[in-house]
């Protein structure tokens, strides 16, 4: 009796944690003009496991039905240093703002 109930509760907790990470990512992007380097975003949003972060980013970047398409990842090359930086860019329902 207890195992199925425990498994159901554990699944709901994991889903809500992933959802919370997604909400944090969207909030930080909205607060910073819709664009942030991925490294700085990861530093602001602490997660226990890398897989949680990867899952949240995948859900936000993948198009429907696998994800929401609210975020796009792009590399930007600096003119002065020629260094590539990966940015997370907030999109408007899958369309770029």
N, C-alpha and C. Protein backbone atom coordinates (compact mmCIF):
# COMPACT_ATOMS: atom_id res chain seq x y z
N UNK A 1 0.83 -1.20 0.00
CA UNK A 1 0.00 0.00 0.00
C UNK A 1 0.87 1.25 0.00
N UNK A 2 1.90 1.29 0.82
CA UNK A 2 2.68 2.51 0.98
C UNK A 2 3.58 2.82 -0.22
N UNK A 3 4.11 1.80 -0.88
CA UNK A 3 5.03 2.04 -2.00
C UNK A 3 4.39 2.80 -3.16
N UNK A 4 3.20 2.41 -3.63
CA UNK A 4 2.61 3.19 -4.74
C UNK A 4 2.33 4.64 -4.35
N UNK A 5 1.88 4.85 -3.13
CA UNK A 5 1.62 6.22 -2.67
C UNK A 5 2.92 7.01 -2.58
N UNK A 6 3.96 6.38 -2.07
CA UNK A 6 5.27 7.03 -1.97
C UNK A 6 5.80 7.40 -3.36
N UNK A 7 5.68 6.47 -4.31
CA UNK A 7 6.15 6.73 -5.67
C UNK A 7 5.39 7.88 -6.31
N UNK A 8 4.11 7.95 -6.08
CA UNK A 8 3.30 9.03 -6.64
C UNK A 8 3.72 10.39 -6.04
N UNK A 9 3.94 10.42 -4.74
CA UNK A 9 4.36 11.66 -4.08
C UNK A 9 5.74 12.08 -4.57
N UNK A 10 6.66 11.13 -4.69
CA UNK A 10 8.01 11.43 -5.16
C UNK A 10 7.97 11.98 -6.58
N UNK A 11 7.15 11.42 -7.44
CA UNK A 11 7.01 11.90 -8.82
C UNK A 11 6.49 13.33 -8.85
N UNK A 12 5.49 13.62 -8.03
CA UNK A 12 4.93 14.98 -7.99
C UNK A 12 5.96 15.98 -7.49
N UNK A 13 6.74 15.61 -6.50
CA UNK A 13 7.77 16.50 -5.97
C UNK A 13 8.82 16.78 -7.04
N UNK A 14 9.26 15.77 -7.75
CA UNK A 14 10.27 15.96 -8.80
C UNK A 14 9.73 16.83 -9.92
N UNK A 15 8.47 16.64 -10.29
CA UNK A 15 7.88 17.47 -11.34
C UNK A 15 7.77 18.91 -10.90
N UNK A 16 7.38 19.14 -9.66
CA UNK A 16 7.23 20.51 -9.19
C UNK A 16 8.59 21.19 -9.06
N UNK A 17 9.64 20.42 -8.71
CA UNK A 17 10.98 20.99 -8.63
C UNK A 17 11.45 21.44 -10.00
N UNK A 18 11.22 20.63 -11.01
CA UNK A 18 11.59 20.97 -12.38
C UNK A 18 10.81 22.20 -12.83
N UNK A 19 9.54 22.26 -12.51
CA UNK A 19 8.71 23.40 -12.87
C UNK A 19 9.21 24.66 -12.18
N UNK A 20 9.64 24.54 -10.94
CA UNK A 20 10.16 25.69 -10.20
C UNK A 20 11.44 26.22 -10.84
N UNK A 21 12.31 25.34 -11.28
CA UNK A 21 13.54 25.76 -11.95
C UNK A 21 13.20 26.50 -13.23
N UNK A 22 12.23 26.00 -13.99
CA UNK A 22 11.81 26.68 -15.21
C UNK A 22 11.28 28.07 -14.92
N UNK A 23 10.47 28.18 -13.88
CA UNK A 23 9.92 29.48 -13.50
C UNK A 23 11.02 30.45 -13.08
N UNK A 24 12.02 29.96 -12.36
CA UNK A 24 13.14 30.80 -11.95
C UNK A 24 13.92 31.30 -13.16
N UNK A 25 14.15 30.41 -14.12
CA UNK A 25 14.87 30.79 -15.34
C UNK A 25 14.11 31.90 -16.07
N UNK A 26 12.81 31.71 -16.25
CA UNK A 26 12.00 32.72 -16.93
C UNK A 26 11.98 34.04 -16.18
N UNK A 27 11.89 33.98 -14.86
CA UNK A 27 11.86 35.21 -14.05
C UNK A 27 13.17 35.99 -14.19
N UNK A 28 14.31 35.28 -14.11
CA UNK A 28 15.61 35.95 -14.24
C UNK A 28 15.77 36.56 -15.62
N UNK A 29 15.31 35.86 -16.65
CA UNK A 29 15.41 36.41 -18.00
C UNK A 29 14.53 37.65 -18.15
N UNK A 30 13.31 37.60 -17.61
CA UNK A 30 12.42 38.77 -17.68
C UNK A 30 13.01 39.96 -16.93
N UNK A 31 13.61 39.70 -15.78
CA UNK A 31 14.18 40.78 -14.97
C UNK A 31 15.42 41.41 -15.60
N UNK A 32 16.07 40.69 -16.53
CA UNK A 32 17.31 41.18 -17.13
C UNK A 32 17.16 41.46 -18.61
N UNK A 33 16.00 41.91 -19.02
CA UNK A 33 15.81 42.33 -20.40
C UNK A 33 15.66 41.20 -21.40
N UNK A 34 15.43 39.98 -20.96
CA UNK A 34 15.19 38.88 -21.86
C UNK A 34 16.42 38.18 -22.39
N UNK A 35 17.61 38.56 -21.91
CA UNK A 35 18.83 37.93 -22.41
C UNK A 35 19.88 37.90 -21.31
N UNK A 36 20.46 36.72 -21.10
CA UNK A 36 21.53 36.55 -20.10
C UNK A 36 22.49 35.47 -20.58
N UNK A 37 23.78 35.61 -20.25
CA UNK A 37 24.69 34.50 -20.51
C UNK A 37 24.26 33.28 -19.69
N UNK A 38 24.34 32.11 -20.30
CA UNK A 38 23.92 30.88 -19.62
C UNK A 38 24.72 30.66 -18.35
N UNK A 39 26.00 30.97 -18.39
CA UNK A 39 26.84 30.79 -17.19
C UNK A 39 26.33 31.64 -16.03
N UNK A 40 26.01 32.89 -16.29
CA UNK A 40 25.52 33.76 -15.22
C UNK A 40 24.14 33.29 -14.73
N UNK A 41 23.32 32.79 -15.64
CA UNK A 41 22.01 32.27 -15.26
C UNK A 41 22.16 31.06 -14.35
N UNK A 42 23.11 30.18 -14.68
CA UNK A 42 23.36 28.99 -13.84
C UNK A 42 23.86 29.39 -12.46
N UNK A 43 24.65 30.47 -12.39
CA UNK A 43 25.16 30.91 -11.10
C UNK A 43 24.05 31.49 -10.23
N UNK A 44 23.08 32.13 -10.86
CA UNK A 44 21.97 32.73 -10.11
C UNK A 44 20.95 31.69 -9.65
N UNK A 45 20.81 30.63 -10.43
CA UNK A 45 19.82 29.60 -10.11
C UNK A 45 20.56 28.34 -9.69
N UNK A 46 20.57 28.09 -8.42
CA UNK A 46 21.27 26.92 -7.89
C UNK A 46 20.37 25.70 -7.97
N UNK A 47 20.91 24.61 -8.49
CA UNK A 47 20.18 23.34 -8.53
C UNK A 47 21.09 22.27 -7.93
N UNK A 48 20.46 21.24 -7.40
CA UNK A 48 21.22 20.17 -6.75
C UNK A 48 21.93 19.28 -7.77
N UNK A 49 21.27 19.02 -8.89
CA UNK A 49 21.84 18.11 -9.88
C UNK A 49 21.86 18.78 -11.25
N UNK A 50 22.89 18.51 -12.00
CA UNK A 50 23.02 19.05 -13.36
C UNK A 50 21.87 18.56 -14.23
N UNK A 51 21.42 17.34 -14.00
CA UNK A 51 20.33 16.78 -14.81
C UNK A 51 19.03 17.58 -14.63
N UNK A 52 18.80 18.13 -13.43
CA UNK A 52 17.62 18.97 -13.20
C UNK A 52 17.69 20.23 -14.05
N UNK A 53 18.87 20.83 -14.09
CA UNK A 53 19.08 22.03 -14.90
C UNK A 53 18.86 21.71 -16.39
N UNK A 54 19.48 20.62 -16.85
CA UNK A 54 19.38 20.22 -18.25
C UNK A 54 17.93 19.95 -18.65
N UNK A 55 17.20 19.30 -17.77
CA UNK A 55 15.79 18.99 -18.04
C UNK A 55 14.96 20.27 -18.15
N UNK A 56 15.20 21.21 -17.24
CA UNK A 56 14.46 22.47 -17.26
C UNK A 56 14.76 23.27 -18.52
N UNK A 57 16.04 23.36 -18.89
CA UNK A 57 16.41 24.10 -20.11
C UNK A 57 15.84 23.41 -21.34
N UNK A 58 15.88 22.07 -21.36
CA UNK A 58 15.32 21.35 -22.50
C UNK A 58 13.84 21.64 -22.67
N UNK A 59 13.11 21.65 -21.57
CA UNK A 59 11.67 21.93 -21.64
C UNK A 59 11.39 23.34 -22.15
N UNK A 60 12.24 24.29 -21.78
CA UNK A 60 12.03 25.67 -22.20
C UNK A 60 12.48 25.93 -23.63
N UNK A 61 13.46 25.18 -24.12
CA UNK A 61 14.00 25.43 -25.45
C UNK A 61 13.35 24.57 -26.53
N UNK A 62 12.84 23.40 -26.17
CA UNK A 62 12.25 22.50 -27.16
C UNK A 62 10.89 23.04 -27.61
N UNK A 63 10.60 22.81 -28.88
CA UNK A 63 9.30 23.20 -29.41
C UNK A 63 8.24 22.18 -28.99
N UNK A 64 6.98 22.57 -29.09
CA UNK A 64 5.88 21.68 -28.73
C UNK A 64 5.93 20.45 -29.62
N UNK A 65 5.56 19.29 -29.19
CA UNK A 65 4.93 18.92 -27.93
C UNK A 65 5.92 18.61 -26.81
N UNK A 66 7.23 18.60 -27.11
CA UNK A 66 8.22 18.24 -26.08
C UNK A 66 8.49 19.36 -25.09
N UNK A 67 8.28 20.59 -25.50
CA UNK A 67 8.60 21.71 -24.62
C UNK A 67 7.74 22.92 -24.92
N UNK A 68 8.18 24.07 -24.41
CA UNK A 68 7.38 25.28 -24.55
C UNK A 68 7.92 26.25 -25.59
N UNK A 69 9.22 26.19 -25.89
CA UNK A 69 9.82 27.09 -26.87
C UNK A 69 9.92 28.53 -26.39
N UNK A 70 9.91 28.74 -25.07
CA UNK A 70 9.94 30.09 -24.52
C UNK A 70 11.34 30.69 -24.47
N UNK A 71 12.36 29.83 -24.58
CA UNK A 71 13.75 30.28 -24.49
C UNK A 71 14.52 29.73 -25.68
N UNK A 72 15.43 30.54 -26.19
CA UNK A 72 16.30 30.11 -27.28
C UNK A 72 17.74 30.27 -26.81
N UNK A 73 18.59 29.30 -27.14
CA UNK A 73 20.01 29.39 -26.80
C UNK A 73 20.77 29.79 -28.06
N UNK A 74 21.68 30.76 -27.92
CA UNK A 74 22.46 31.22 -29.06
C UNK A 74 23.86 31.59 -28.60
N UNK A 75 24.82 31.42 -29.49
CA UNK A 75 26.19 31.82 -29.21
C UNK A 75 26.43 33.20 -29.80
N UNK A 76 27.07 34.06 -29.02
CA UNK A 76 27.43 35.40 -29.46
C UNK A 76 28.94 35.52 -29.35
N UNK A 77 29.58 35.98 -30.43
CA UNK A 77 31.03 36.14 -30.44
C UNK A 77 31.36 37.60 -30.17
N UNK A 78 32.22 37.83 -29.19
CA UNK A 78 32.65 39.18 -28.85
C UNK A 78 33.55 39.72 -29.96
N UNK A 79 33.33 40.97 -30.33
CA UNK A 79 34.15 41.61 -31.37
C UNK A 79 35.59 41.79 -30.91
N UNK A 80 35.79 42.12 -29.66
CA UNK A 80 37.14 42.43 -29.17
C UNK A 80 37.93 41.19 -28.79
N UNK A 81 37.31 40.26 -28.07
CA UNK A 81 38.06 39.10 -27.58
C UNK A 81 37.91 37.88 -28.47
N UNK A 82 36.95 37.90 -29.40
CA UNK A 82 36.66 36.76 -30.29
C UNK A 82 36.23 35.52 -29.50
N UNK A 83 35.75 35.74 -28.28
CA UNK A 83 35.31 34.65 -27.41
C UNK A 83 33.81 34.41 -27.60
N UNK A 84 33.42 33.14 -27.71
CA UNK A 84 32.01 32.79 -27.86
C UNK A 84 31.37 32.65 -26.48
N UNK A 85 30.20 33.24 -26.33
CA UNK A 85 29.45 33.15 -25.08
C UNK A 85 28.05 32.65 -25.42
N UNK A 86 27.57 31.65 -24.68
CA UNK A 86 26.22 31.13 -24.92
C UNK A 86 25.23 31.96 -24.11
N UNK A 87 24.21 32.46 -24.81
CA UNK A 87 23.17 33.26 -24.18
C UNK A 87 21.85 32.51 -24.19
N UNK A 88 21.07 32.73 -23.14
CA UNK A 88 19.67 32.28 -23.10
C UNK A 88 18.85 33.52 -23.42
N UNK A 89 18.00 33.40 -24.44
CA UNK A 89 17.22 34.54 -24.91
C UNK A 89 15.74 34.20 -24.79
N UNK A 90 15.01 35.08 -24.14
CA UNK A 90 13.58 34.88 -23.96
C UNK A 90 12.88 35.16 -25.29
N UNK A 91 12.02 34.24 -25.69
CA UNK A 91 11.26 34.43 -26.92
C UNK A 91 9.80 34.66 -26.56
N UNK A 92 9.04 35.06 -27.53
CA UNK A 92 7.62 35.33 -27.29
C UNK A 92 6.80 34.20 -27.90
N UNK A 93 6.57 33.15 -27.12
CA UNK A 93 5.78 32.01 -27.59
C UNK A 93 6.43 31.29 -28.75
N UNK A 94 7.77 31.21 -28.74
CA UNK A 94 8.47 30.56 -29.82
C UNK A 94 8.94 31.54 -30.89
N UNK A 95 8.44 32.79 -30.88
CA UNK A 95 8.88 33.81 -31.84
C UNK A 95 9.83 34.75 -31.14
N UNK A 96 10.87 35.16 -31.86
CA UNK A 96 11.86 36.07 -31.26
C UNK A 96 11.25 37.43 -31.06
N UNK A 97 11.58 38.08 -29.95
CA UNK A 97 11.05 39.42 -29.66
C UNK A 97 11.68 40.46 -30.53
